[in-house]
Amino acid sequence: MTDTLTLLSRTIAARRDADPATSYVAKLHAGGPPLIARKLGEEAVETVVAALTGDAKDLTGEAADLIFHLLVLLDARGVAFADVTAELDRREGMSGIAEKAARKT
């Protein structure tokens, strides 16, 4: 999975400065983080709705859209996907409750 997402994040980075008339990634970047964040929020809502319908095919598609838009937002804010995976690796084996508690200190 990481290979697919790493490849996608590289593709997004390569397309950020393309012509917005021909590249959806470039069009999102032209609108800046507010546009990208709004689109991410829309995709999050669509993912939740698909999850509640019980239709696995719709949920799969919406989840892919959500992840794509998250990667575009990370790219727009200069956050490397490798940094996100490193953070997930750091949390590996840690209880979610313990991880949240550690953030407060």
PDB file of N, CA and C in Angstrom:
ATOM      1  N   MET A   1       0.821  -1.188   0.000  1.00  0.00           N
ATOM      2  CA  MET A   1       0.000   0.000   0.000  1.00  0.00           C
ATOM      3  C   MET A   1       0.865   1.252   0.000  1.00  0.00           C
ATOM      4  N   THR A   2       1.889   1.268   0.800  1.00  0.00           N
ATOM      5  CA  THR A   2       2.733   2.448   0.877  1.00  0.00           C
ATOM      6  C   THR A   2       3.336   2.773  -0.478  1.00  0.00           C
ATOM      7  N   ASP A   3       3.693   1.743  -1.256  1.00  0.00           N
ATOM      8  CA  ASP A   3       4.264   1.996  -2.576  1.00  0.00           C
ATOM      9  C   ASP A   3       3.272   2.736  -3.458  1.00  0.00           C
ATOM     10  N   THR A   4       2.012   2.344  -3.431  1.00  0.00           N
ATOM     11  CA  THR A   4       0.980   3.014  -4.218  1.00  0.00           C
ATOM     12  C   THR A   4       0.836   4.463  -3.782  1.00  0.00           C
ATOM     13  N   LEU A   5       0.781   4.692  -2.494  1.00  0.00           N
ATOM     14  CA  LEU A   5       0.613   6.057  -1.991  1.00  0.00           C
ATOM     15  C   LEU A   5       1.865   6.898  -2.206  1.00  0.00           C
ATOM     16  N   THR A   6       3.026   6.286  -2.109  1.00  0.00           N
ATOM     17  CA  THR A   6       4.271   7.001  -2.390  1.00  0.00           C
ATOM     18  C   THR A   6       4.309   7.421  -3.853  1.00  0.00           C
ATOM     19  N   LEU A   7       3.942   6.520  -4.735  1.00  0.00           N
ATOM     20  CA  LEU A   7       3.897   6.843  -6.162  1.00  0.00           C
ATOM     21  C   LEU A   7       2.892   7.955  -6.425  1.00  0.00           C
ATOM     22  N   LEU A   8       1.718   7.863  -5.810  1.00  0.00           N
ATOM     23  CA  LEU A   8       0.705   8.895  -5.984  1.00  0.00           C
ATOM     24  C   LEU A   8       1.207  10.241  -5.465  1.00  0.00           C
ATOM     25  N   SER A   9       1.857  10.257  -4.327  1.00  0.00           N
ATOM     26  CA  SER A   9       2.362  11.528  -3.787  1.00  0.00           C
ATOM     27  C   SER A   9       3.414  12.127  -4.713  1.00  0.00           C
ATOM     28  N   ARG A  10       4.212  11.296  -5.335  1.00  0.00           N
ATOM     29  CA  ARG A  10       5.203  11.793  -6.303  1.00  0.00           C
ATOM     30  C   ARG A  10       4.522  12.356  -7.549  1.00  0.00           C
ATOM     31  N   THR A  11       3.483  11.690  -7.998  1.00  0.00           N
ATOM     32  CA  THR A  11       2.729  12.170  -9.160  1.00  0.00           C
ATOM     33  C   THR A  11       2.089  13.518  -8.860  1.00  0.00           C
ATOM     34  N   ILE A  12       1.523  13.643  -7.668  1.00  0.00           N
ATOM     35  CA  ILE A  12       0.918  14.914  -7.254  1.00  0.00           C
ATOM     36  C   ILE A  12       1.967  16.019  -7.251  1.00  0.00           C
ATOM     37  N   ALA A  13       3.129  15.754  -6.692  1.00  0.00           N
ATOM     38  CA  ALA A  13       4.201  16.757  -6.661  1.00  0.00           C
ATOM     39  C   ALA A  13       4.636  17.149  -8.072  1.00  0.00           C
ATOM     40  N   ALA A  14       4.680  16.180  -8.961  1.00  0.00           N
ATOM     41  CA  ALA A  14       5.104  16.460 -10.339  1.00  0.00           C
ATOM     42  C   ALA A  14       4.074  17.296 -11.091  1.00  0.00           C
ATOM     43  N   ARG A  15       2.831  17.211 -10.697  1.00  0.00           N
ATOM     44  CA  ARG A  15       1.764  17.908 -11.431  1.00  0.00           C
ATOM     45  C   ARG A  15       1.341  19.226 -10.802  1.00  0.00           C
ATOM     46  N   ARG A  16       1.863  19.559  -9.641  1.00  0.00           N
ATOM     47  CA  ARG A  16       1.375  20.757  -8.925  1.00  0.00           C
ATOM     48  C   ARG A  16       1.543  22.036  -9.736  1.00  0.00           C
ATOM     49  N   ASP A  17       2.591  22.133 -10.553  1.00  0.00           N
ATOM     50  CA  ASP A  17       2.842  23.353 -11.314  1.00  0.00           C
ATOM     51  C   ASP A  17       2.441  23.235 -12.790  1.00  0.00           C
ATOM     52  N   ALA A  18       1.671  22.217 -13.107  1.00  0.00           N
ATOM     53  CA  ALA A  18       1.204  22.038 -14.483  1.00  0.00           C
ATOM     54  C   ALA A  18       0.129  23.081 -14.802  1.00  0.00           C
ATOM     55  N   ASP A  19      -0.387  23.023 -15.992  1.00  0.00           N
ATOM     56  CA  ASP A  19      -1.448  23.933 -16.418  1.00  0.00           C
ATOM     57  C   ASP A  19      -2.758  23.523 -15.741  1.00  0.00           C
ATOM     58  N   PRO A  20      -3.358  24.415 -14.966  1.00  0.00           N
ATOM     59  CA  PRO A  20      -4.620  24.086 -14.299  1.00  0.00           C
ATOM     60  C   PRO A  20      -5.747  23.719 -15.260  1.00  0.00           C
ATOM     61  N   ALA A  21      -5.622  24.104 -16.514  1.00  0.00           N
ATOM     62  CA  ALA A  21      -6.640  23.743 -17.509  1.00  0.00           C
ATOM     63  C   ALA A  21      -6.558  22.270 -17.897  1.00  0.00           C
ATOM     64  N   THR A  22      -5.400  21.656 -17.647  1.00  0.00           N
ATOM     65  CA  THR A  22      -5.222  20.258 -18.052  1.00  0.00           C
ATOM     66  C   THR A  22      -4.906  19.319 -16.887  1.00  0.00           C
ATOM     67  N   SER A  23      -4.708  19.862 -15.696  1.00  0.00           N
ATOM     68  CA  SER A  23      -4.350  19.033 -14.543  1.00  0.00           C
ATOM     69  C   SER A  23      -5.231  19.379 -13.345  1.00  0.00           C
ATOM     70  N   TYR A  24      -5.943  18.383 -12.848  1.00  0.00           N
ATOM     71  CA  TYR A  24      -6.779  18.595 -11.672  1.00  0.00           C
ATOM     72  C   TYR A  24      -5.933  18.961 -10.458  1.00  0.00           C
ATOM     73  N   VAL A  25      -4.777  18.327 -10.311  1.00  0.00           N
ATOM     74  CA  VAL A  25      -3.875  18.649  -9.199  1.00  0.00           C
ATOM     75  C   VAL A  25      -3.452  20.119  -9.283  1.00  0.00           C
ATOM     76  N   ALA A  26      -3.069  20.565 -10.459  1.00  0.00           N
ATOM     77  CA  ALA A  26      -2.660  21.959 -10.629  1.00  0.00           C
ATOM     78  C   ALA A  26      -3.830  22.905 -10.365  1.00  0.00           C
ATOM     79  N   LYS A  27      -5.018  22.514 -10.761  1.00  0.00           N
ATOM     80  CA  LYS A  27      -6.210  23.336 -10.513  1.00  0.00           C
ATOM     81  C   LYS A  27      -6.452  23.475  -9.008  1.00  0.00           C
ATOM     82  N   LEU A  28      -6.315  22.380  -8.280  1.00  0.00           N
ATOM     83  CA  LEU A  28      -6.459  22.444  -6.825  1.00  0.00           C
ATOM     84  C   LEU A  28      -5.389  23.342  -6.218  1.00  0.00           C
ATOM     85  N   HIS A  29      -4.141  23.160  -6.646  1.00  0.00           N
ATOM     86  CA  HIS A  29      -3.042  23.973  -6.116  1.00  0.00           C
ATOM     87  C   HIS A  29      -3.240  25.454  -6.427  1.00  0.00           C
ATOM     88  N   ALA A  30      -3.806  25.755  -7.587  1.00  0.00           N
ATOM     89  CA  ALA A  30      -4.052  27.150  -7.943  1.00  0.00           C
ATOM     90  C   ALA A  30      -5.024  27.801  -6.960  1.00  0.00           C
ATOM     91  N   GLY A  31      -5.929  27.010  -6.401  1.00  0.00           N
ATOM     92  CA  GLY A  31      -6.877  27.526  -5.414  1.00  0.00           C
ATOM     93  C   GLY A  31      -6.306  27.627  -4.019  1.00  0.00           C
ATOM     94  N   GLY A  32      -5.145  27.016  -3.816  1.00  0.00           N
ATOM     95  CA  GLY A  32      -4.463  27.079  -2.531  1.00  0.00           C
ATOM     96  C   GLY A  32      -5.051  26.157  -1.475  1.00  0.00           C
ATOM     97  N   PRO A  33      -4.415  26.145  -0.310  1.00  0.00           N
ATOM     98  CA  PRO A  33      -4.868  25.268   0.774  1.00  0.00           C
ATOM     99  C   PRO A  33      -6.341  25.418   1.161  1.00  0.00           C
ATOM    100  N   PRO A  34      -6.918  26.628   1.141  1.00  0.00           N
ATOM    101  CA  PRO A  34      -8.343  26.702   1.495  1.00  0.00           C
ATOM    102  C   PRO A  34      -9.237  25.874   0.561  1.00  0.00           C
ATOM    103  N   LEU A  35      -8.976  25.944  -0.740  1.00  0.00           N
ATOM    104  CA  LEU A  35      -9.763  25.155  -1.690  1.00  0.00           C
ATOM    105  C   LEU A  35      -9.527  23.662  -1.485  1.00  0.00           C
ATOM    106  N   ILE A  36      -8.274  23.300  -1.330  1.00  0.00           N
ATOM    107  CA  ILE A  36      -7.935  21.885  -1.168  1.00  0.00           C
ATOM    108  C   ILE A  36      -8.542  21.343   0.130  1.00  0.00           C
ATOM    109  N   ALA A  37      -8.460  22.104   1.201  1.00  0.00           N
ATOM    110  CA  ALA A  37      -9.023  21.673   2.486  1.00  0.00           C
ATOM    111  C   ALA A  37     -10.541  21.528   2.387  1.00  0.00           C
ATOM    112  N   ARG A  38     -11.179  22.453   1.700  1.00  0.00           N
ATOM    113  CA  ARG A  38     -12.633  22.355   1.520  1.00  0.00           C
ATOM    114  C   ARG A  38     -12.986  21.094   0.735  1.00  0.00           C
ATOM    115  N   LYS A  39     -12.225  20.826  -0.320  1.00  0.00           N
ATOM    116  CA  LYS A  39     -12.473  19.625  -1.120  1.00  0.00           C
ATOM    117  C   LYS A  39     -12.228  18.369  -0.276  1.00  0.00           C
ATOM    118  N   LEU A  40     -11.190  18.383   0.557  1.00  0.00           N
ATOM    119  CA  LEU A  40     -10.921  17.255   1.447  1.00  0.00           C
ATOM    120  C   LEU A  40     -12.100  17.039   2.388  1.00  0.00           C
ATOM    121  N   GLY A  41     -12.639  18.122   2.926  1.00  0.00           N
ATOM    122  CA  GLY A  41     -13.802  18.021   3.803  1.00  0.00           C
ATOM    123  C   GLY A  41     -15.007  17.434   3.092  1.00  0.00           C
ATOM    124  N   GLU A  42     -15.237  17.855   1.858  1.00  0.00           N
ATOM    125  CA  GLU A  42     -16.345  17.304   1.070  1.00  0.00           C
ATOM    126  C   GLU A  42     -16.165  15.798   0.877  1.00  0.00           C
ATOM    127  N   GLU A  43     -14.942  15.417   0.563  1.00  0.00           N
ATOM    128  CA  GLU A  43     -14.665  13.987   0.351  1.00  0.00           C
ATOM    129  C   GLU A  43     -14.814  13.199   1.653  1.00  0.00           C
ATOM    130  N   ALA A  44     -14.456  13.813   2.779  1.00  0.00           N
ATOM    131  CA  ALA A  44     -14.622  13.141   4.070  1.00  0.00           C
ATOM    132  C   ALA A  44     -16.101  12.877   4.342  1.00  0.00           C
ATOM    133  N   VAL A  45     -16.938  13.878   4.066  1.00  0.00           N
ATOM    134  CA  VAL A  45     -18.380  13.703   4.268  1.00  0.00           C
ATOM    135  C   VAL A  45     -18.909  12.618   3.338  1.00  0.00           C
ATOM    136  N   GLU A  46     -18.495  12.643   2.082  1.00  0.00           N
ATOM    137  CA  GLU A  46     -18.943  11.618   1.137  1.00  0.00           C
ATOM    138  C   GLU A  46     -18.488  10.225   1.573  1.00  0.00           C
ATOM    139  N   THR A  47     -17.306  10.133   2.173  1.00  0.00           N
ATOM    140  CA  THR A  47     -16.815   8.851   2.672  1.00  0.00           C
ATOM    141  C   THR A  47     -17.685   8.353   3.825  1.00  0.00           C
ATOM    142  N   VAL A  48     -18.034   9.250   4.728  1.00  0.00           N
ATOM    143  CA  VAL A  48     -18.900   8.887   5.853  1.00  0.00           C
ATOM    144  C   VAL A  48     -20.263   8.427   5.347  1.00  0.00           C
ATOM    145  N   VAL A  49     -20.822   9.152   4.407  1.00  0.00           N
ATOM    146  CA  VAL A  49     -22.131   8.777   3.854  1.00  0.00           C
ATOM    147  C   VAL A  49     -22.048   7.400   3.210  1.00  0.00           C
ATOM    148  N   ALA A  50     -20.999   7.157   2.437  1.00  0.00           N
ATOM    149  CA  ALA A  50     -20.829   5.850   1.801  1.00  0.00           C
ATOM    150  C   ALA A  50     -20.667   4.750   2.850  1.00  0.00           C
ATOM    151  N   ALA A  51     -19.985   5.051   3.935  1.00  0.00           N
ATOM    152  CA  ALA A  51     -19.809   4.057   5.002  1.00  0.00           C
ATOM    153  C   ALA A  51     -21.141   3.697   5.636  1.00  0.00           C
ATOM    154  N   LEU A  52     -22.031   4.670   5.732  1.00  0.00           N
ATOM    155  CA  LEU A  52     -23.317   4.429   6.377  1.00  0.00           C
ATOM    156  C   LEU A  52     -24.324   3.742   5.464  1.00  0.00           C
ATOM    157  N   THR A  53     -24.084   3.771   4.160  1.00  0.00           N
ATOM    158  CA  THR A  53     -24.998   3.103   3.232  1.00  0.00           C
ATOM    159  C   THR A  53     -24.750   1.608   3.174  1.00  0.00           C
ATOM    160  N   GLY A  54     -23.558   1.193   3.567  1.00  0.00           N
ATOM    161  CA  GLY A  54     -23.241  -0.228   3.531  1.00  0.00           C
ATOM    162  C   GLY A  54     -22.780  -0.719   2.175  1.00  0.00           C
ATOM    163  N   ASP A  55     -22.604   0.167   1.208  1.00  0.00           N
ATOM    164  CA  ASP A  55     -22.166  -0.210  -0.128  1.00  0.00           C
ATOM    165  C   ASP A  55     -20.638  -0.150  -0.192  1.00  0.00           C
ATOM    166  N   ALA A  56     -20.001  -1.317  -0.223  1.00  0.00           N
ATOM    167  CA  ALA A  56     -18.537  -1.385  -0.184  1.00  0.00           C
ATOM    168  C   ALA A  56     -17.900  -0.733  -1.405  1.00  0.00           C
ATOM    169  N   LYS A  57     -18.519  -0.850  -2.564  1.00  0.00           N
ATOM    170  CA  LYS A  57     -17.950  -0.254  -3.779  1.00  0.00           C
ATOM    171  C   LYS A  57     -17.922   1.270  -3.664  1.00  0.00           C
ATOM    172  N   ASP A  58     -19.012   1.863  -3.210  1.00  0.00           N
ATOM    173  CA  ASP A  58     -19.044   3.318  -3.028  1.00  0.00           C
ATOM    174  C   ASP A  58     -18.040   3.761  -1.976  1.00  0.00           C
ATOM    175  N   LEU A  59     -17.963   3.028  -0.880  1.00  0.00           N
ATOM    176  CA  LEU A  59     -17.017   3.380   0.180  1.00  0.00           C
ATOM    177  C   LEU A  59     -15.582   3.306  -0.333  1.00  0.00           C
ATOM    178  N   THR A  60     -15.275   2.297  -1.118  1.00  0.00           N
ATOM    179  CA  THR A  60     -13.933   2.156  -1.678  1.00  0.00           C
ATOM    180  C   THR A  60     -13.574   3.362  -2.545  1.00  0.00           C
ATOM    181  N   GLY A  61     -14.485   3.759  -3.408  1.00  0.00           N
ATOM    182  CA  GLY A  61     -14.235   4.907  -4.277  1.00  0.00           C
ATOM    183  C   GLY A  61     -14.090   6.203  -3.507  1.00  0.00           C
ATOM    184  N   GLU A  62     -14.956   6.402  -2.528  1.00  0.00           N
ATOM    185  CA  GLU A  62     -14.884   7.629  -1.732  1.00  0.00           C
ATOM    186  C   GLU A  62     -13.624   7.649  -0.873  1.00  0.00           C
ATOM    187  N   ALA A  63     -13.230   6.500  -0.349  1.00  0.00           N
ATOM    188  CA  ALA A  63     -11.996   6.441   0.437  1.00  0.00           C
ATOM    189  C   ALA A  63     -10.786   6.788  -0.432  1.00  0.00           C
ATOM    190  N   ALA A  64     -10.786   6.313  -1.665  1.00  0.00           N
ATOM    191  CA  ALA A  64      -9.695   6.653  -2.592  1.00  0.00           C
ATOM    192  C   ALA A  64      -9.673   8.154  -2.853  1.00  0.00           C
ATOM    193  N   ASP A  65     -10.848   8.756  -3.071  1.00  0.00           N
ATOM    194  CA  ASP A  65     -10.923  10.207  -3.278  1.00  0.00           C
ATOM    195  C   ASP A  65     -10.408  10.964  -2.054  1.00  0.00           C
ATOM    196  N   LEU A  66     -10.785  10.491  -0.872  1.00  0.00           N
ATOM    197  CA  LEU A  66     -10.368  11.131   0.368  1.00  0.00           C
ATOM    198  C   LEU A  66      -8.849  11.095   0.520  1.00  0.00           C
ATOM    199  N   ILE A  67      -8.266   9.938   0.296  1.00  0.00           N
ATOM    200  CA  ILE A  67      -6.810   9.801   0.420  1.00  0.00           C
ATOM    201  C   ILE A  67      -6.098  10.665  -0.613  1.00  0.00           C
ATOM    202  N   PHE A  68      -6.608  10.673  -1.837  1.00  0.00           N
ATOM    203  CA  PHE A  68      -6.015  11.506  -2.887  1.00  0.00           C
ATOM    204  C   PHE A  68      -5.994  12.974  -2.459  1.00  0.00           C
ATOM    205  N   HIS A  69      -7.132  13.472  -2.006  1.00  0.00           N
ATOM    206  CA  HIS A  69      -7.210  14.889  -1.636  1.00  0.00           C
ATOM    207  C   HIS A  69      -6.363  15.199  -0.395  1.00  0.00           C
ATOM    208  N   LEU A  70      -6.233  14.244   0.514  1.00  0.00           N
ATOM    209  CA  LEU A  70      -5.337  14.434   1.650  1.00  0.00           C
ATOM    210  C   LEU A  70      -3.897  14.575   1.168  1.00  0.00           C
ATOM    211  N   LEU A  71      -3.489  13.747   0.234  1.00  0.00           N
ATOM    212  CA  LEU A  71      -2.126  13.837  -0.298  1.00  0.00           C
ATOM    213  C   LEU A  71      -1.904  15.165  -1.020  1.00  0.00           C
ATOM    214  N   VAL A  72      -2.915  15.659  -1.720  1.00  0.00           N
ATOM    215  CA  VAL A  72      -2.780  16.968  -2.372  1.00  0.00           C
ATOM    216  C   VAL A  72      -2.608  18.062  -1.316  1.00  0.00           C
ATOM    217  N   LEU A  73      -3.377  17.988  -0.248  1.00  0.00           N
ATOM    218  CA  LEU A  73      -3.258  18.996   0.816  1.00  0.00           C
ATOM    219  C   LEU A  73      -1.895  18.928   1.500  1.00  0.00           C
ATOM    220  N   LEU A  74      -1.423  17.735   1.779  1.00  0.00           N
ATOM    221  CA  LEU A  74      -0.089  17.595   2.367  1.00  0.00           C
ATOM    222  C   LEU A  74       0.959  18.234   1.462  1.00  0.00           C
ATOM    223  N   ASP A  75       0.861  17.962   0.165  1.00  0.00           N
ATOM    224  CA  ASP A  75       1.805  18.525  -0.794  1.00  0.00           C
ATOM    225  C   ASP A  75       1.724  20.046  -0.799  1.00  0.00           C
ATOM    226  N   ALA A  76       0.513  20.576  -0.780  1.00  0.00           N
ATOM    227  CA  ALA A  76       0.332  22.033  -0.806  1.00  0.00           C
ATOM    228  C   ALA A  76       0.929  22.699   0.425  1.00  0.00           C
ATOM    229  N   ARG A  77       0.924  21.994   1.541  1.00  0.00           N
ATOM    230  CA  ARG A  77       1.457  22.556   2.788  1.00  0.00           C
ATOM    231  C   ARG A  77       2.914  22.161   3.033  1.00  0.00           C
ATOM    232  N   GLY A  78       3.518  21.472   2.073  1.00  0.00           N
ATOM    233  CA  GLY A  78       4.925  21.117   2.187  1.00  0.00           C
ATOM    234  C   GLY A  78       5.219  20.003   3.173  1.00  0.00           C
ATOM    235  N   VAL A  79       4.219  19.177   3.432  1.00  0.00           N
ATOM    236  CA  VAL A  79       4.400  18.034   4.335  1.00  0.00           C
ATOM    237  C   VAL A  79       4.641  16.793   3.482  1.00  0.00           C
ATOM    238  N   ALA A  80       5.799  16.201   3.646  1.00  0.00           N
ATOM    239  CA  ALA A  80       6.147  15.016   2.860  1.00  0.00           C
ATOM    240  C   ALA A  80       5.352  13.807   3.330  1.00  0.00           C
ATOM    241  N   PHE A  81       4.895  13.015   2.372  1.00  0.00           N
ATOM    242  CA  PHE A  81       4.187  11.790   2.712  1.00  0.00           C
ATOM    243  C   PHE A  81       5.077  10.887   3.568  1.00  0.00           C
ATOM    244  N   ALA A  82       6.373  10.914   3.315  1.00  0.00           N
ATOM    245  CA  ALA A  82       7.312  10.114   4.112  1.00  0.00           C
ATOM    246  C   ALA A  82       7.274  10.514   5.585  1.00  0.00           C
ATOM    247  N   ASP A  83       7.020  11.785   5.864  1.00  0.00           N
ATOM    248  CA  ASP A  83       6.909  12.229   7.253  1.00  0.00           C
ATOM    249  C   ASP A  83       5.663  11.650   7.914  1.00  0.00           C
ATOM    250  N   VAL A  84       4.592  11.548   7.141  1.00  0.00           N
ATOM    251  CA  VAL A  84       3.363  10.956   7.675  1.00  0.00           C
ATOM    252  C   VAL A  84       3.571   9.470   7.951  1.00  0.00           C
ATOM    253  N   THR A  85       4.198   8.768   7.017  1.00  0.00           N
ATOM    254  CA  THR A  85       4.433   7.344   7.252  1.00  0.00           C
ATOM    255  C   THR A  85       5.411   7.135   8.407  1.00  0.00           C
ATOM    256  N   ALA A  86       6.382   8.028   8.559  1.00  0.00           N
ATOM    257  CA  ALA A  86       7.310   7.928   9.695  1.00  0.00           C
ATOM    258  C   ALA A  86       6.560   8.104  11.012  1.00  0.00           C
ATOM    259  N   GLU A  87       5.598   9.022  11.043  1.00  0.00           N
ATOM    260  CA  GLU A  87       4.797   9.215  12.253  1.00  0.00           C
ATOM    261  C   GLU A  87       3.949   7.982  12.542  1.00  0.00           C
ATOM    262  N   LEU A  88       3.386   7.389  11.510  1.00  0.00           N
ATOM    263  CA  LEU A  88       2.615   6.154  11.712  1.00  0.00           C
ATOM    264  C   LEU A  88       3.523   5.031  12.205  1.00  0.00           C
ATOM    265  N   ASP A  89       4.729   4.948  11.646  1.00  0.00           N
ATOM    266  CA  ASP A  89       5.688   3.944  12.112  1.00  0.00           C
ATOM    267  C   ASP A  89       6.026   4.164  13.586  1.00  0.00           C
ATOM    268  N   ARG A  90       6.174   5.433  13.973  1.00  0.00           N
ATOM    269  CA  ARG A  90       6.490   5.745  15.372  1.00  0.00           C
ATOM    270  C   ARG A  90       5.381   5.268  16.299  1.00  0.00           C
ATOM    271  N   ARG A  91       4.162   5.340  15.824  1.00  0.00           N
ATOM    272  CA  ARG A  91       3.015   4.949  16.646  1.00  0.00           C
ATOM    273  C   ARG A  91       2.738   3.443  16.628  1.00  0.00           C
ATOM    274  N   GLU A  92       3.405   2.718  15.770  1.00  0.00           N
ATOM    275  CA  GLU A  92       3.168   1.278  15.634  1.00  0.00           C
ATOM    276  C   GLU A  92       3.286   0.575  16.989  1.00  0.00           C
ATOM    277  N   GLY A  93       2.302  -0.212  17.299  1.00  0.00           N
ATOM    278  CA  GLY A  93       2.309  -0.983  18.533  1.00  0.00           C
ATOM    279  C   GLY A  93       1.888  -0.201  19.763  1.00  0.00           C
ATOM    280  N   MET A  94       1.580   1.077  19.588  1.00  0.00           N
ATOM    281  CA  MET A  94       1.183   1.910  20.715  1.00  0.00           C
ATOM    282  C   MET A  94      -0.341   1.991  20.751  1.00  0.00           C
ATOM    283  N   SER A  95      -0.898   1.868  21.901  1.00  0.00           N
ATOM    284  CA  SER A  95      -2.333   2.041  22.066  1.00  0.00           C
ATOM    285  C   SER A  95      -2.728   3.448  21.645  1.00  0.00           C
ATOM    286  N   GLY A  96      -3.850   3.563  20.953  1.00  0.00           N
ATOM    287  CA  GLY A  96      -4.352   4.876  20.577  1.00  0.00           C
ATOM    288  C   GLY A  96      -4.613   5.748  21.789  1.00  0.00           C
ATOM    289  N   ILE A  97      -5.063   5.140  22.857  1.00  0.00           N
ATOM    290  CA  ILE A  97      -5.322   5.890  24.089  1.00  0.00           C
ATOM    291  C   ILE A  97      -3.997   6.415  24.651  1.00  0.00           C
ATOM    292  N   ALA A  98      -2.977   5.566  24.684  1.00  0.00           N
ATOM    293  CA  ALA A  98      -1.684   5.985  25.192  1.00  0.00           C
ATOM    294  C   ALA A  98      -1.054   7.055  24.306  1.00  0.00           C
ATOM    295  N   GLU A  99      -1.214   6.904  22.991  1.00  0.00           N
ATOM    296  CA  GLU A  99      -0.643   7.879  22.057  1.00  0.00           C
ATOM    297  C   GLU A  99      -1.292   9.252  22.259  1.00  0.00           C
ATOM    298  N   LYS A 100      -2.593   9.282  22.407  1.00  0.00           N
ATOM    299  CA  LYS A 100      -3.284  10.562  22.638  1.00  0.00           C
ATOM    300  C   LYS A 100      -2.867  11.178  23.967  1.00  0.00           C
ATOM    301  N   ALA A 101      -2.736  10.365  24.992  1.00  0.00           N
ATOM    302  CA  ALA A 101      -2.330  10.868  26.309  1.00  0.00           C
ATOM    303  C   ALA A 101      -0.929  11.461  26.249  1.00  0.00           C
ATOM    304  N   ALA A 102      -0.033  10.836  25.450  1.00  0.00           N
ATOM    305  CA  ALA A 102       1.340  11.320  25.342  1.00  0.00           C
ATOM    306  C   ALA A 102       1.405  12.682  24.654  1.00  0.00           C
ATOM    307  N   ARG A 103       0.449  12.991  23.800  1.00  0.00           N
ATOM    308  CA  ARG A 103       0.423  14.289  23.105  1.00  0.00           C
ATOM    309  C   ARG A 103       0.139  15.433  24.071  1.00  0.00           C
ATOM    310  N   LYS A 104      -0.556  15.155  25.162  1.00  0.00           N
ATOM    311  CA  LYS A 104      -0.943  16.185  26.116  1.00  0.00           C
ATOM    312  C   LYS A 104       0.207  16.613  27.004  1.00  0.00           C
ATOM    313  N   THR A 105       1.278  15.818  27.067  1.00  0.00           N
ATOM    314  CA  THR A 105       2.395  16.163  27.949  1.00  0.00           C
ATOM    315  C   THR A 105       3.494  16.871  27.220  1.00  0.00           C
TER     316      THR A 105
END
